[in-house]
Amino acid sequence: MTTDSACEKAKAELEEFLHDELCREDAADIRAHMATCADCSGEHAVGRVLTDAVKRACNETAPEDLRSTVLARLRDLQASH
């Protein structure tokens, strides 16, 4: 049976759980809670998708022509100040 306090704990610590920043015992508690709570496991699934998307985006690099344009514009702005 899930309790409001178990849901509150799982939701409050979801970000740390997604990034493996919880101690083993707290992570196990949240995992056990999510096994029986559709609401919290749904939030975990959404959080996992978002975390994975951000990780992928951080690995992407801008096309070289865009980088050159931005750097040239920054140099122009610095020179005018």
Protein backbone atom coordinates (compact mmCIF):
# COMPACT_ATOMS: atom_id res chain seq x y z
CA MET A 1 0.00 0.00 0.00
CA THR A 2 1.34 3.42 -0.92
CA THR A 3 1.11 6.34 1.42
CA ASP A 4 1.10 10.05 0.81
CA SER A 5 4.38 10.39 2.72
CA ALA A 6 6.01 7.70 0.55
CA CYS A 7 4.84 9.57 -2.56
CA GLU A 8 6.08 12.86 -1.15
CA LYS A 9 9.50 11.34 -0.47
CA ALA A 10 9.72 9.71 -3.90
CA LYS A 11 8.72 12.92 -5.69
CA ALA A 12 11.00 15.10 -3.56
CA GLU A 13 14.00 12.86 -4.26
CA LEU A 14 13.20 11.98 -7.87
CA GLU A 15 15.87 14.25 -9.37
CA GLU A 16 18.58 12.77 -7.15
CA PHE A 17 17.28 9.28 -7.88
CA LEU A 18 17.48 9.90 -11.64
CA HIS A 19 21.10 10.99 -11.28
CA ASP A 20 22.08 8.13 -8.93
CA GLU A 21 22.85 10.61 -6.14
CA LEU A 22 20.97 8.87 -3.32
CA CYS A 23 22.41 6.47 -0.80
CA ARG A 24 21.65 2.83 -1.51
CA GLU A 25 18.95 2.61 1.18
CA ASP A 26 17.01 5.70 -0.03
CA ALA A 27 17.25 4.56 -3.66
CA ALA A 28 15.95 1.11 -2.67
CA ASP A 29 13.03 2.70 -0.79
CA ILE A 30 12.07 4.77 -3.83
CA ARG A 31 12.44 1.80 -6.18
CA ALA A 32 10.19 -0.29 -3.93
CA HIS A 33 7.63 2.51 -3.72
CA MET A 34 7.55 3.00 -7.49
CA ALA A 35 6.94 -0.71 -7.97
CA THR A 36 3.52 -0.24 -6.35
CA CYS A 37 2.68 3.37 -7.22
CA ALA A 38 1.65 4.10 -10.79
CA ASP A 39 1.73 7.87 -10.24
CA CYS A 40 5.32 7.95 -9.00
CA SER A 41 6.54 5.40 -11.55
CA GLY A 42 4.91 7.55 -14.26
CA GLU A 43 6.74 10.63 -12.99
CA HIS A 44 9.95 8.61 -12.97
CA ALA A 45 9.39 7.57 -16.59
CA VAL A 46 8.86 11.19 -17.64
CA GLY A 47 11.91 12.28 -15.67
CA ARG A 48 14.02 9.55 -17.29
CA VAL A 49 12.96 10.62 -20.80
CA LEU A 50 13.75 14.27 -20.04
CA THR A 51 17.09 13.44 -18.43
CA ASP A 52 18.11 11.30 -21.40
CA ALA A 53 17.06 14.04 -23.86
CA VAL A 54 19.13 16.64 -22.01
CA LYS A 55 22.15 14.31 -21.95
CA ARG A 56 21.86 13.76 -25.70
CA ALA A 57 21.49 17.50 -26.34
CA CYS A 58 24.59 18.24 -24.29
CA ASN A 59 26.62 15.92 -26.50
CA GLU A 60 25.60 17.68 -29.70
CA THR A 61 27.75 20.38 -31.24
CA ALA A 62 26.72 23.33 -33.37
CA PRO A 63 27.49 23.20 -37.10
CA GLU A 64 30.82 24.83 -37.93
CA ASP A 65 29.25 27.65 -39.97
CA LEU A 66 26.97 28.58 -37.05
CA ARG A 67 29.89 28.51 -34.63
CA SER A 68 31.92 30.76 -36.91
CA THR A 69 29.04 33.22 -37.29
CA VAL A 70 28.43 33.42 -33.54
CA LEU A 71 32.12 33.81 -32.72
CA ALA A 72 32.52 36.55 -35.33
CA ARG A 73 29.50 38.39 -33.93
CA LEU A 74 30.88 38.11 -30.39
CA ARG A 75 34.23 39.50 -31.53
CA ASP A 76 32.42 42.41 -33.23
CA LEU A 77 30.46 43.14 -30.05
CA GLN A 78 33.59 43.00 -27.89
CA ALA A 79 35.46 45.32 -30.25
CA SER A 80 32.65 47.90 -30.14
CA HIS A 81 32.65 48.11 -26.32
